[in-house]
């Protein structure tokens, strides 16, 4: 009996691994489809084909289209947080060892790539899709709180001081605006000048 149970467990582990791998491929494909085709062009069938799985397999993991793309943007948020922390693996101490301009540049970079583009398409869709709106709104509130917390840590900001919280939030709002500008054209040169100016302002505000 013990041998049978051991064999069952050994069989289940690869299945679980395959299931996780399939889910990961679907999330990555959903992000890519949103970034490239927007909400209207990103159906479950299109995502499943891109991920190399059947529509049935996709619906096993994500029963509805809203489930799939909400999970995709949650995945985007986690990837954005992970990417930012990876730039400063030693945490706030590591960030402090560089300078605030590097932190500002890293934060801005989060809003200028395909991950942000995918999230933006979902925001636009949520403004018109009643079923999607509350889920995306709740998700973005959570993402916003996490982004703010990471920014405060890496900048070494003391939010007990008047105006500091608003200064950090202003930085994130500015980064989001630069990400929007970058959707239409390559805004690299102007963005670098803005980052330098914001870093200088932050030095004064957080000193």
N, C-alpha and C. Protein backbone atom coordinates (compact mmCIF):
# COMPACT_ATOMS: atom_id res chain seq x y z
N UNK A 1 0.84 -1.21 0.00
CA UNK A 1 0.00 0.00 0.00
C UNK A 1 0.87 1.25 0.00
N UNK A 2 1.96 1.19 0.81
CA UNK A 2 2.89 2.31 0.86
C UNK A 2 3.52 2.56 -0.48
N UNK A 3 3.85 1.47 -1.23
CA UNK A 3 4.46 1.62 -2.54
C UNK A 3 3.51 2.31 -3.51
N UNK A 4 2.21 1.97 -3.42
CA UNK A 4 1.21 2.57 -4.31
C UNK A 4 1.10 4.07 -4.03
N UNK A 5 1.04 4.42 -2.73
CA UNK A 5 0.94 5.84 -2.37
C UNK A 5 2.16 6.62 -2.84
N UNK A 6 3.34 5.99 -2.70
CA UNK A 6 4.56 6.65 -3.16
C UNK A 6 4.53 6.87 -4.66
N UNK A 7 4.06 5.87 -5.39
CA UNK A 7 3.96 5.98 -6.85
C UNK A 7 2.97 7.06 -7.25
N UNK A 8 1.83 7.12 -6.50
CA UNK A 8 0.83 8.16 -6.80
C UNK A 8 1.41 9.55 -6.60
N UNK A 9 2.17 9.71 -5.49
CA UNK A 9 2.76 11.01 -5.22
C UNK A 9 3.78 11.37 -6.29
N UNK A 10 4.57 10.40 -6.70
CA UNK A 10 5.59 10.65 -7.73
C UNK A 10 4.94 11.06 -9.05
N UNK A 11 3.74 10.48 -9.32
CA UNK A 11 3.05 10.83 -10.55
C UNK A 11 2.42 12.21 -10.47
N UNK A 12 1.93 12.55 -9.26
CA UNK A 12 1.27 13.84 -9.10
C UNK A 12 2.24 15.01 -9.22
N UNK A 13 3.46 14.83 -8.73
CA UNK A 13 4.42 15.94 -8.75
C UNK A 13 4.68 16.45 -10.17
N UNK A 14 5.00 15.55 -11.14
CA UNK A 14 5.19 16.04 -12.50
C UNK A 14 3.94 16.72 -13.06
N UNK A 15 2.75 16.18 -12.71
CA UNK A 15 1.51 16.80 -13.19
C UNK A 15 1.37 18.21 -12.63
N UNK A 16 1.72 18.36 -11.37
CA UNK A 16 1.65 19.69 -10.75
C UNK A 16 2.64 20.63 -11.42
N UNK A 17 3.83 20.11 -11.73
CA UNK A 17 4.83 20.93 -12.41
C UNK A 17 4.33 21.35 -13.79
N UNK A 18 3.71 20.41 -14.49
CA UNK A 18 3.19 20.72 -15.83
C UNK A 18 2.07 21.75 -15.73
N UNK A 19 1.24 21.60 -14.71
CA UNK A 19 0.14 22.54 -14.52
C UNK A 19 0.66 23.95 -14.25
N UNK A 20 1.68 24.05 -13.40
CA UNK A 20 2.27 25.36 -13.10
C UNK A 20 2.91 25.95 -14.36
N UNK A 21 3.57 25.10 -15.13
CA UNK A 21 4.22 25.58 -16.35
C UNK A 21 3.19 26.08 -17.36
N UNK A 22 2.07 25.36 -17.47
CA UNK A 22 1.01 25.77 -18.38
C UNK A 22 0.42 27.10 -17.95
N UNK A 23 0.17 27.24 -16.66
CA UNK A 23 -0.37 28.49 -16.13
C UNK A 23 0.59 29.65 -16.41
N UNK A 24 1.88 29.41 -16.20
CA UNK A 24 2.89 30.44 -16.45
C UNK A 24 2.90 30.86 -17.91
N UNK A 25 2.83 29.88 -18.82
CA UNK A 25 2.82 30.21 -20.25
C UNK A 25 1.59 31.02 -20.62
N UNK A 26 0.45 30.68 -20.03
CA UNK A 26 -0.78 31.41 -20.32
C UNK A 26 -0.69 32.86 -19.83
N UNK A 27 -0.14 33.06 -18.65
CA UNK A 27 0.00 34.41 -18.11
C UNK A 27 0.95 35.24 -18.98
N UNK A 28 2.07 34.66 -19.35
CA UNK A 28 3.04 35.38 -20.19
C UNK A 28 2.43 35.70 -21.55
N UNK A 29 1.68 34.74 -22.11
CA UNK A 29 1.04 34.98 -23.41
C UNK A 29 -0.04 36.05 -23.30
N UNK A 30 -0.77 36.06 -22.20
CA UNK A 30 -1.82 37.07 -22.00
C UNK A 30 -1.21 38.46 -21.91
N UNK A 31 -0.11 38.59 -21.19
CA UNK A 31 0.58 39.88 -21.09
C UNK A 31 1.05 40.34 -22.46
N UNK A 32 1.66 39.44 -23.21
CA UNK A 32 2.17 39.79 -24.54
C UNK A 32 1.03 40.19 -25.48
N UNK A 33 -0.08 39.46 -25.42
CA UNK A 33 -1.22 39.77 -26.28
C UNK A 33 -1.82 41.14 -25.94
N UNK A 34 -1.97 41.41 -24.65
CA UNK A 34 -2.50 42.71 -24.24
C UNK A 34 -1.59 43.84 -24.71
N UNK A 35 -0.29 43.66 -24.55
CA UNK A 35 0.67 44.69 -24.94
C UNK A 35 0.65 44.93 -26.45
N UNK A 36 0.46 43.86 -27.22
CA UNK A 36 0.56 43.98 -28.68
C UNK A 36 -0.78 44.29 -29.35
N UNK A 37 -1.87 43.69 -28.82
CA UNK A 37 -3.15 43.77 -29.52
C UNK A 37 -4.25 44.50 -28.74
N UNK A 38 -3.99 44.83 -27.47
CA UNK A 38 -5.03 45.46 -26.68
C UNK A 38 -6.11 44.47 -26.27
N UNK A 39 -7.11 44.99 -25.56
CA UNK A 39 -8.17 44.12 -25.03
C UNK A 39 -9.00 43.50 -26.14
N UNK A 40 -9.37 44.29 -27.13
CA UNK A 40 -10.25 43.79 -28.19
C UNK A 40 -9.64 42.62 -28.95
N UNK A 41 -8.33 42.65 -29.14
CA UNK A 41 -7.68 41.59 -29.92
C UNK A 41 -7.14 40.45 -29.08
N UNK A 42 -7.41 40.48 -27.79
CA UNK A 42 -6.85 39.46 -26.89
C UNK A 42 -7.97 38.58 -26.34
N UNK A 43 -8.31 37.55 -27.08
CA UNK A 43 -9.31 36.59 -26.63
C UNK A 43 -8.61 35.41 -25.97
N UNK A 44 -9.39 34.57 -25.30
CA UNK A 44 -8.82 33.38 -24.67
C UNK A 44 -8.21 32.47 -25.74
N UNK A 45 -8.88 32.38 -26.90
CA UNK A 45 -8.36 31.52 -27.98
C UNK A 45 -7.02 32.01 -28.50
N UNK A 46 -6.89 33.33 -28.65
CA UNK A 46 -5.64 33.91 -29.13
C UNK A 46 -4.51 33.66 -28.14
N UNK A 47 -4.83 33.84 -26.86
CA UNK A 47 -3.82 33.62 -25.82
C UNK A 47 -3.43 32.15 -25.76
N UNK A 48 -4.41 31.27 -25.83
CA UNK A 48 -4.13 29.82 -25.77
C UNK A 48 -3.24 29.40 -26.93
N UNK A 49 -3.53 29.91 -28.11
CA UNK A 49 -2.71 29.57 -29.28
C UNK A 49 -1.28 30.07 -29.10
N UNK A 50 -1.15 31.27 -28.61
CA UNK A 50 0.20 31.82 -28.39
C UNK A 50 0.95 31.02 -27.35
N UNK A 51 0.25 30.55 -26.32
CA UNK A 51 0.88 29.78 -25.25
C UNK A 51 1.15 28.33 -25.66
N UNK A 52 0.57 27.90 -26.78
CA UNK A 52 0.77 26.53 -27.24
C UNK A 52 -0.06 25.51 -26.48
N UNK A 53 -1.23 25.94 -26.00
CA UNK A 53 -2.12 25.02 -25.29
C UNK A 53 -3.50 25.11 -25.91
N UNK A 54 -4.35 24.15 -25.57
CA UNK A 54 -5.70 24.16 -26.10
C UNK A 54 -6.56 25.19 -25.37
N UNK A 55 -7.65 25.59 -26.01
CA UNK A 55 -8.58 26.52 -25.35
C UNK A 55 -9.15 25.88 -24.08
N UNK A 56 -9.41 24.57 -24.14
CA UNK A 56 -9.93 23.86 -22.98
C UNK A 56 -8.95 23.90 -21.81
N UNK A 57 -7.67 23.75 -22.11
CA UNK A 57 -6.65 23.80 -21.05
C UNK A 57 -6.59 25.20 -20.45
N UNK A 58 -6.73 26.21 -21.31
CA UNK A 58 -6.72 27.59 -20.81
C UNK A 58 -7.90 27.84 -19.88
N UNK A 59 -9.07 27.33 -20.27
CA UNK A 59 -10.26 27.54 -19.45
C UNK A 59 -10.26 26.69 -18.20
N UNK A 60 -9.48 25.63 -18.18
CA UNK A 60 -9.32 24.86 -16.95
C UNK A 60 -8.63 25.71 -15.89
N UNK A 61 -7.62 26.47 -16.31
CA UNK A 61 -6.89 27.32 -15.38
C UNK A 61 -7.64 28.62 -15.10
N UNK A 62 -8.27 29.18 -16.15
CA UNK A 62 -8.95 30.47 -16.03
C UNK A 62 -10.31 30.35 -16.70
N UNK A 63 -11.35 30.09 -15.92
CA UNK A 63 -12.68 29.82 -16.50
C UNK A 63 -13.23 30.94 -17.37
N UNK A 64 -12.91 32.18 -17.07
CA UNK A 64 -13.43 33.29 -17.86
C UNK A 64 -12.29 34.16 -18.38
N UNK A 65 -12.62 34.98 -19.36
CA UNK A 65 -11.64 35.91 -19.91
C UNK A 65 -11.18 36.90 -18.84
N UNK A 66 -12.12 37.35 -18.02
CA UNK A 66 -11.77 38.28 -16.95
C UNK A 66 -10.81 37.65 -15.96
N UNK A 67 -11.02 36.36 -15.63
CA UNK A 67 -10.11 35.64 -14.73
C UNK A 67 -8.69 35.65 -15.31
N UNK A 68 -8.59 35.34 -16.59
CA UNK A 68 -7.29 35.23 -17.24
C UNK A 68 -6.54 36.56 -17.20
N UNK A 69 -7.20 37.64 -17.61
CA UNK A 69 -6.47 38.90 -17.76
C UNK A 69 -6.27 39.62 -16.42
N UNK A 70 -7.17 39.41 -15.47
CA UNK A 70 -6.92 39.95 -14.15
C UNK A 70 -5.70 39.25 -13.53
N UNK A 71 -5.63 37.94 -13.69
CA UNK A 71 -4.47 37.19 -13.19
C UNK A 71 -3.20 37.64 -13.92
N UNK A 72 -3.33 37.94 -15.21
CA UNK A 72 -2.17 38.37 -15.99
C UNK A 72 -1.62 39.68 -15.46
N UNK A 73 -2.50 40.62 -15.12
CA UNK A 73 -2.01 41.90 -14.63
C UNK A 73 -1.49 41.77 -13.20
N UNK A 74 -2.06 40.85 -12.42
CA UNK A 74 -1.49 40.59 -11.10
C UNK A 74 -0.07 40.03 -11.25
N UNK A 75 0.09 39.17 -12.24
CA UNK A 75 1.41 38.63 -12.54
C UNK A 75 2.36 39.76 -12.96
N UNK A 76 1.84 40.70 -13.77
CA UNK A 76 2.62 41.86 -14.18
C UNK A 76 3.10 42.64 -12.96
N UNK A 77 2.18 42.86 -12.02
CA UNK A 77 2.52 43.63 -10.82
C UNK A 77 3.62 42.94 -10.03
N UNK A 78 3.51 41.63 -9.88
CA UNK A 78 4.52 40.88 -9.14
C UNK A 78 5.86 40.95 -9.85
N UNK A 79 5.83 40.86 -11.18
CA UNK A 79 7.07 40.93 -11.95
C UNK A 79 7.71 42.31 -11.83
N UNK A 80 6.87 43.37 -11.81
CA UNK A 80 7.40 44.72 -11.67
C UNK A 80 8.08 44.89 -10.31
N UNK A 81 7.44 44.40 -9.26
CA UNK A 81 8.02 44.50 -7.92
C UNK A 81 9.31 43.71 -7.82
N UNK A 82 9.30 42.50 -8.38
CA UNK A 82 10.48 41.65 -8.36
C UNK A 82 11.63 42.29 -9.12
N UNK A 83 11.31 42.87 -10.28
CA UNK A 83 12.35 43.51 -11.10
C UNK A 83 12.97 44.68 -10.36
N UNK A 84 12.15 45.46 -9.67
CA UNK A 84 12.68 46.61 -8.94
C UNK A 84 13.57 46.17 -7.78
N UNK A 85 13.11 45.20 -7.03
CA UNK A 85 13.91 44.72 -5.90
C UNK A 85 15.19 44.05 -6.37
N UNK A 86 15.16 43.43 -7.55
CA UNK A 86 16.36 42.77 -8.07
C UNK A 86 17.45 43.78 -8.39
N UNK A 87 17.06 45.03 -8.70
CA UNK A 87 18.06 46.05 -8.98
C UNK A 87 18.83 46.46 -7.73
N UNK A 88 18.19 46.25 -6.57
CA UNK A 88 18.81 46.61 -5.29
C UNK A 88 18.66 45.41 -4.34
N UNK A 89 19.38 44.32 -4.63
CA UNK A 89 19.20 43.07 -3.87
C UNK A 89 19.50 43.21 -2.38
N UNK A 90 20.26 44.22 -2.00
CA UNK A 90 20.56 44.41 -0.58
C UNK A 90 19.51 45.27 0.11
N UNK A 91 18.42 45.58 -0.62
CA UNK A 91 17.34 46.35 -0.01
C UNK A 91 17.69 47.81 0.11
N UNK A 92 17.04 48.50 1.05
CA UNK A 92 17.28 49.94 1.23
C UNK A 92 18.74 50.29 1.43
N UNK A 93 19.48 49.42 2.12
CA UNK A 93 20.91 49.69 2.34
C UNK A 93 21.65 49.72 1.02
N UNK A 94 21.32 48.77 0.15
CA UNK A 94 21.97 48.74 -1.16
C UNK A 94 21.61 49.94 -2.00
N UNK A 95 20.34 50.35 -1.93
CA UNK A 95 19.91 51.53 -2.68
C UNK A 95 20.61 52.78 -2.16
N UNK A 96 20.72 52.87 -0.84
CA UNK A 96 21.36 54.05 -0.25
C UNK A 96 22.83 54.14 -0.63
N UNK A 97 23.43 52.97 -0.92
CA UNK A 97 24.85 52.96 -1.28
C UNK A 97 25.07 53.53 -2.69
N UNK A 98 24.00 53.62 -3.49
CA UNK A 98 24.13 54.24 -4.82
C UNK A 98 23.72 55.71 -4.68
N UNK A 99 22.71 56.12 -5.38
CA UNK A 99 22.17 57.46 -5.18
C UNK A 99 20.70 57.46 -5.57
N UNK A 100 20.01 58.51 -5.22
CA UNK A 100 18.57 58.54 -5.46
C UNK A 100 18.24 58.60 -6.95
N UNK A 101 19.15 59.13 -7.74
CA UNK A 101 18.88 59.16 -9.19
C UNK A 101 18.73 57.74 -9.73
N UNK A 102 19.55 56.80 -9.25
CA UNK A 102 19.45 55.42 -9.71
C UNK A 102 18.10 54.82 -9.32
N UNK A 103 17.61 55.15 -8.13
CA UNK A 103 16.32 54.64 -7.68
C UNK A 103 15.20 55.25 -8.53
N UNK A 104 15.26 56.57 -8.76
CA UNK A 104 14.25 57.23 -9.58
C UNK A 104 14.23 56.62 -10.99
N UNK A 105 15.41 56.41 -11.57
CA UNK A 105 15.49 55.83 -12.91
C UNK A 105 14.90 54.42 -12.93
N UNK A 106 15.16 53.64 -11.90
CA UNK A 106 14.63 52.27 -11.83
C UNK A 106 13.11 52.28 -11.73
N UNK A 107 12.58 53.19 -10.93
CA UNK A 107 11.13 53.30 -10.80
C UNK A 107 10.49 53.70 -12.13
N UNK A 108 11.10 54.67 -12.81
CA UNK A 108 10.57 55.10 -14.10
C UNK A 108 10.62 53.98 -15.13
N UNK A 109 11.68 53.19 -15.10
CA UNK A 109 11.82 52.09 -16.06
C UNK A 109 10.68 51.08 -15.94
N UNK A 110 10.12 50.95 -14.74
CA UNK A 110 9.02 50.01 -14.56
C UNK A 110 7.79 50.39 -15.38
N UNK A 111 7.71 51.67 -15.72
CA UNK A 111 6.52 52.16 -16.42
C UNK A 111 6.75 52.38 -17.91
N UNK A 112 7.84 51.90 -18.45
CA UNK A 112 8.12 52.16 -19.86
C UNK A 112 8.31 50.88 -20.68
N UNK A 113 7.95 49.74 -20.13
CA UNK A 113 8.12 48.48 -20.86
C UNK A 113 6.80 47.78 -21.14
N UNK A 114 6.86 46.57 -21.70
CA UNK A 114 5.65 45.83 -22.06
C UNK A 114 4.76 45.47 -20.87
N UNK A 115 5.34 45.35 -19.67
CA UNK A 115 4.52 45.03 -18.51
C UNK A 115 3.54 46.17 -18.23
N UNK A 116 4.03 47.40 -18.27
CA UNK A 116 3.14 48.54 -18.04
C UNK A 116 2.15 48.68 -19.19
N UNK A 117 2.59 48.44 -20.42
CA UNK A 117 1.71 48.54 -21.58
C UNK A 117 0.53 47.58 -21.44
N UNK A 118 0.80 46.37 -20.99
CA UNK A 118 -0.26 45.38 -20.80
C UNK A 118 -1.24 45.85 -19.72
N UNK A 119 -0.71 46.36 -18.62
CA UNK A 119 -1.57 46.85 -17.55
C UNK A 119 -2.45 47.99 -18.05
N UNK A 120 -1.87 48.88 -18.86
CA UNK A 120 -2.62 50.02 -19.37
C UNK A 120 -3.81 49.56 -20.21
N UNK A 121 -3.60 48.58 -21.07
CA UNK A 121 -4.70 48.06 -21.89
C UNK A 121 -5.81 47.50 -21.03
N UNK A 122 -5.45 46.86 -19.94
CA UNK A 122 -6.47 46.32 -19.06
C UNK A 122 -7.23 47.45 -18.35
N UNK A 123 -6.53 48.52 -17.99
CA UNK A 123 -7.21 49.67 -17.36
C UNK A 123 -8.26 50.23 -18.32
N UNK A 124 -7.87 50.39 -19.59
CA UNK A 124 -8.80 50.93 -20.59
C UNK A 124 -10.01 50.02 -20.73
N UNK A 125 -9.76 48.72 -20.80
CA UNK A 125 -10.87 47.76 -20.91
C UNK A 125 -11.77 47.83 -19.69
N UNK A 126 -11.18 47.96 -18.52
CA UNK A 126 -11.96 47.99 -17.27
C UNK A 126 -12.86 49.22 -17.20
N UNK A 127 -12.48 50.29 -17.87
CA UNK A 127 -13.31 51.49 -17.85
C UNK A 127 -14.62 51.27 -18.60
N UNK A 128 -14.66 50.25 -19.48
CA UNK A 128 -15.87 49.98 -20.27
C UNK A 128 -16.52 48.64 -19.94
N UNK A 129 -15.82 47.78 -19.21
CA UNK A 129 -16.33 46.44 -18.91
C UNK A 129 -16.75 46.38 -17.44
N UNK A 130 -18.06 46.30 -17.20
CA UNK A 130 -18.56 46.30 -15.82
C UNK A 130 -18.03 45.13 -15.00
N UNK A 131 -17.90 43.96 -15.63
CA UNK A 131 -17.43 42.78 -14.90
C UNK A 131 -15.96 42.90 -14.51
N UNK A 132 -15.22 43.62 -15.31
CA UNK A 132 -13.78 43.72 -15.10
C UNK A 132 -13.40 44.85 -14.14
N UNK A 133 -14.18 45.92 -14.14
CA UNK A 133 -13.79 47.14 -13.43
C UNK A 133 -13.49 46.94 -11.94
N UNK A 134 -14.38 46.31 -11.16
CA UNK A 134 -14.07 46.19 -9.72
C UNK A 134 -12.84 45.35 -9.43
N UNK A 135 -12.59 44.34 -10.27
CA UNK A 135 -11.43 43.48 -10.06
C UNK A 135 -10.13 44.22 -10.36
N UNK A 136 -10.13 44.98 -11.44
CA UNK A 136 -8.93 45.72 -11.80
C UNK A 136 -8.71 46.88 -10.83
N UNK A 137 -9.78 47.52 -10.40
CA UNK A 137 -9.66 48.62 -9.44
C UNK A 137 -9.04 48.13 -8.13
N UNK A 138 -9.52 47.00 -7.63
CA UNK A 138 -8.97 46.44 -6.38
C UNK A 138 -7.51 46.05 -6.56
N UNK A 139 -7.20 45.46 -7.70
CA UNK A 139 -5.84 45.03 -7.98
C UNK A 139 -4.90 46.24 -8.04
N UNK A 140 -5.32 47.28 -8.72
CA UNK A 140 -4.46 48.45 -8.87
C UNK A 140 -4.24 49.18 -7.54
N UNK A 141 -5.24 49.16 -6.67
CA UNK A 141 -5.05 49.73 -5.33
C UNK A 141 -3.95 48.99 -4.59
N UNK A 142 -3.98 47.66 -4.72
CA UNK A 142 -2.97 46.84 -4.05
C UNK A 142 -1.59 47.08 -4.66
N UNK A 143 -1.55 47.12 -5.98
CA UNK A 143 -0.28 47.37 -6.68
C UNK A 143 0.27 48.74 -6.31
N UNK A 144 -0.62 49.74 -6.24
CA UNK A 144 -0.19 51.08 -5.90
C UNK A 144 0.41 51.16 -4.51
N UNK A 145 -0.22 50.47 -3.55
CA UNK A 145 0.31 50.47 -2.18
C UNK A 145 1.68 49.80 -2.13
N UNK A 146 1.83 48.71 -2.87
CA UNK A 146 3.10 47.99 -2.88
C UNK A 146 4.20 48.83 -3.54
N UNK A 147 3.87 49.47 -4.65
CA UNK A 147 4.85 50.31 -5.34
C UNK A 147 5.29 51.46 -4.45
N UNK A 148 4.34 52.06 -3.76
CA UNK A 148 4.66 53.17 -2.86
C UNK A 148 5.57 52.70 -1.73
N UNK A 149 5.25 51.55 -1.16
CA UNK A 149 6.06 51.02 -0.05
C UNK A 149 7.49 50.73 -0.49
N UNK A 150 7.64 50.14 -1.67
CA UNK A 150 8.98 49.84 -2.19
C UNK A 150 9.75 51.14 -2.43
N UNK A 151 9.07 52.13 -3.01
CA UNK A 151 9.72 53.41 -3.28
C UNK A 151 10.20 54.08 -1.99
N UNK A 152 9.35 54.05 -0.97
CA UNK A 152 9.72 54.65 0.32
C UNK A 152 10.95 53.96 0.89
N UNK A 153 10.97 52.63 0.83
CA UNK A 153 12.10 51.86 1.36
C UNK A 153 13.39 52.21 0.62
N UNK A 154 13.33 52.17 -0.71
CA UNK A 154 14.55 52.36 -1.50
C UNK A 154 15.06 53.80 -1.46
N UNK A 155 14.14 54.75 -1.30
CA UNK A 155 14.56 56.15 -1.24
C UNK A 155 14.99 56.56 0.16
N UNK A 156 14.73 55.69 1.15
CA UNK A 156 15.04 56.04 2.52
C UNK A 156 14.22 57.23 2.99
N UNK A 157 12.96 57.28 2.56
CA UNK A 157 12.10 58.43 2.86
C UNK A 157 11.45 58.28 4.23
N UNK A 158 11.43 59.35 4.98
CA UNK A 158 10.80 59.39 6.30
C UNK A 158 9.42 60.03 6.16
N UNK A 159 8.38 59.18 6.08
CA UNK A 159 7.04 59.70 5.83
C UNK A 159 6.40 60.36 7.05
N UNK A 160 7.09 60.35 8.18
CA UNK A 160 6.56 61.08 9.33
C UNK A 160 6.76 62.59 9.16
N UNK A 161 7.61 62.96 8.21
CA UNK A 161 7.84 64.38 7.95
C UNK A 161 6.79 64.92 6.98
N UNK A 162 6.28 66.12 7.22
CA UNK A 162 5.25 66.70 6.36
C UNK A 162 5.70 66.78 4.90
N UNK A 163 4.82 66.34 4.00
CA UNK A 163 5.08 66.47 2.57
C UNK A 163 5.85 65.34 1.94
N UNK A 164 6.49 64.49 2.75
CA UNK A 164 7.33 63.42 2.17
C UNK A 164 6.47 62.38 1.45
N UNK A 165 5.37 61.99 2.07
CA UNK A 165 4.51 60.99 1.43
C UNK A 165 4.02 61.50 0.07
N UNK A 166 3.61 62.75 0.03
CA UNK A 166 3.12 63.34 -1.22
C UNK A 166 4.24 63.44 -2.27
N UNK A 167 5.46 63.69 -1.80
CA UNK A 167 6.59 63.76 -2.72
C UNK A 167 6.86 62.42 -3.38
N UNK A 168 6.81 61.35 -2.60
CA UNK A 168 7.02 60.00 -3.15
C UNK A 168 5.88 59.65 -4.10
N UNK A 169 4.65 59.96 -3.71
CA UNK A 169 3.52 59.66 -4.59
C UNK A 169 3.61 60.45 -5.88
N UNK A 170 4.07 61.70 -5.78
CA UNK A 170 4.26 62.51 -6.98
C UNK A 170 5.28 61.88 -7.92
N UNK A 171 6.32 61.30 -7.37
CA UNK A 171 7.31 60.59 -8.19
C UNK A 171 6.67 59.45 -8.96
N UNK A 172 5.85 58.65 -8.29
CA UNK A 172 5.19 57.51 -8.95
C UNK A 172 4.21 57.99 -10.01
N UNK A 173 3.48 59.07 -9.71
CA UNK A 173 2.55 59.62 -10.70
C UNK A 173 3.32 60.13 -11.92
N UNK A 174 4.46 60.78 -11.67
CA UNK A 174 5.29 61.27 -12.77
C UNK A 174 5.81 60.10 -13.61
N UNK A 175 6.23 59.02 -12.95
CA UNK A 175 6.74 57.85 -13.67
C UNK A 175 5.66 57.25 -14.56
N UNK A 176 4.44 57.21 -14.03
CA UNK A 176 3.32 56.68 -14.83
C UNK A 176 3.06 57.56 -16.04
N UNK A 177 3.14 58.88 -15.86
CA UNK A 177 2.95 59.79 -16.98
C UNK A 177 4.03 59.63 -18.04
N UNK A 178 5.26 59.42 -17.62
CA UNK A 178 6.34 59.19 -18.58
C UNK A 178 6.12 57.89 -19.34
N UNK A 179 5.57 56.89 -18.64
CA UNK A 179 5.25 55.64 -19.31
C UNK A 179 4.20 55.82 -20.38
N UNK A 180 3.20 56.65 -20.11
CA UNK A 180 2.16 56.93 -21.11
C UNK A 180 2.76 57.65 -22.32
N UNK A 181 3.63 58.63 -22.07
CA UNK A 181 4.26 59.36 -23.17
C UNK A 181 5.09 58.43 -24.05
N UNK A 182 5.69 57.43 -23.43
CA UNK A 182 6.56 56.52 -24.17
C UNK A 182 5.79 55.57 -25.08
N UNK A 183 4.47 55.48 -24.89
CA UNK A 183 3.66 54.59 -25.73
C UNK A 183 3.61 55.07 -27.17
N UNK A 184 3.66 56.37 -27.38
CA UNK A 184 3.49 56.94 -28.71
C UNK A 184 4.80 57.14 -29.45
N UNK A 185 5.87 57.40 -28.71
CA UNK A 185 7.17 57.60 -29.35
C UNK A 185 8.27 57.33 -28.35
N UNK A 186 9.49 57.15 -28.86
CA UNK A 186 10.63 56.93 -27.99
C UNK A 186 10.96 58.24 -27.27
N UNK A 187 10.72 58.23 -25.97
CA UNK A 187 10.86 59.45 -25.18
C UNK A 187 12.12 59.43 -24.33
N UNK A 188 13.11 58.63 -24.72
CA UNK A 188 14.27 58.37 -23.86
C UNK A 188 15.04 59.64 -23.48
N UNK A 189 15.34 60.48 -24.47
CA UNK A 189 16.17 61.66 -24.20
C UNK A 189 15.50 62.60 -23.20
N UNK A 190 14.23 62.92 -23.45
CA UNK A 190 13.53 63.83 -22.53
C UNK A 190 13.37 63.18 -21.16
N UNK A 191 13.11 61.88 -21.16
CA UNK A 191 12.91 61.16 -19.89
C UNK A 191 14.15 61.22 -19.02
N UNK A 192 15.31 61.11 -19.61
CA UNK A 192 16.56 61.16 -18.84
C UNK A 192 16.73 62.51 -18.17
N UNK A 193 16.35 63.59 -18.87
CA UNK A 193 16.45 64.92 -18.27
C UNK A 193 15.45 65.09 -17.13
N UNK A 194 14.25 64.55 -17.31
CA UNK A 194 13.23 64.64 -16.26
C UNK A 194 13.66 63.85 -15.03
N UNK A 195 14.21 62.66 -15.25
CA UNK A 195 14.68 61.82 -14.14
C UNK A 195 15.75 62.56 -13.34
N UNK A 196 16.69 63.20 -14.04
CA UNK A 196 17.76 63.93 -13.35
C UNK A 196 17.18 65.07 -12.51
N UNK A 197 16.20 65.79 -13.06
CA UNK A 197 15.61 66.90 -12.33
C UNK A 197 14.81 66.40 -11.11
N UNK A 198 14.06 65.31 -11.29
CA UNK A 198 13.28 64.77 -10.17
C UNK A 198 14.20 64.25 -9.07
N UNK A 199 15.30 63.65 -9.46
CA UNK A 199 16.26 63.15 -8.46
C UNK A 199 16.81 64.31 -7.64
N UNK A 200 17.10 65.43 -8.30
CA UNK A 200 17.61 66.61 -7.59
C UNK A 200 16.55 67.17 -6.64
N UNK A 201 15.30 67.19 -7.09
CA UNK A 201 14.21 67.68 -6.24
C UNK A 201 14.01 66.77 -5.03
N UNK A 202 14.12 65.48 -5.27
CA UNK A 202 13.97 64.51 -4.17
C UNK A 202 15.08 64.68 -3.13
N UNK A 203 16.28 64.93 -3.60
CA UNK A 203 17.39 65.12 -2.66
C UNK A 203 17.09 66.28 -1.71
N UNK A 204 16.53 67.33 -2.25
CA UNK A 204 16.18 68.49 -1.43
C UNK A 204 15.01 68.18 -0.50
N UNK A 205 13.99 67.51 -1.03
CA UNK A 205 12.78 67.25 -0.25
C UNK A 205 13.00 66.22 0.85
N UNK A 206 13.87 65.24 0.60
CA UNK A 206 14.05 64.14 1.55
C UNK A 206 15.25 64.34 2.46
N UNK A 207 16.05 65.36 2.22
CA UNK A 207 17.27 65.58 2.98
C UNK A 207 16.95 65.77 4.45
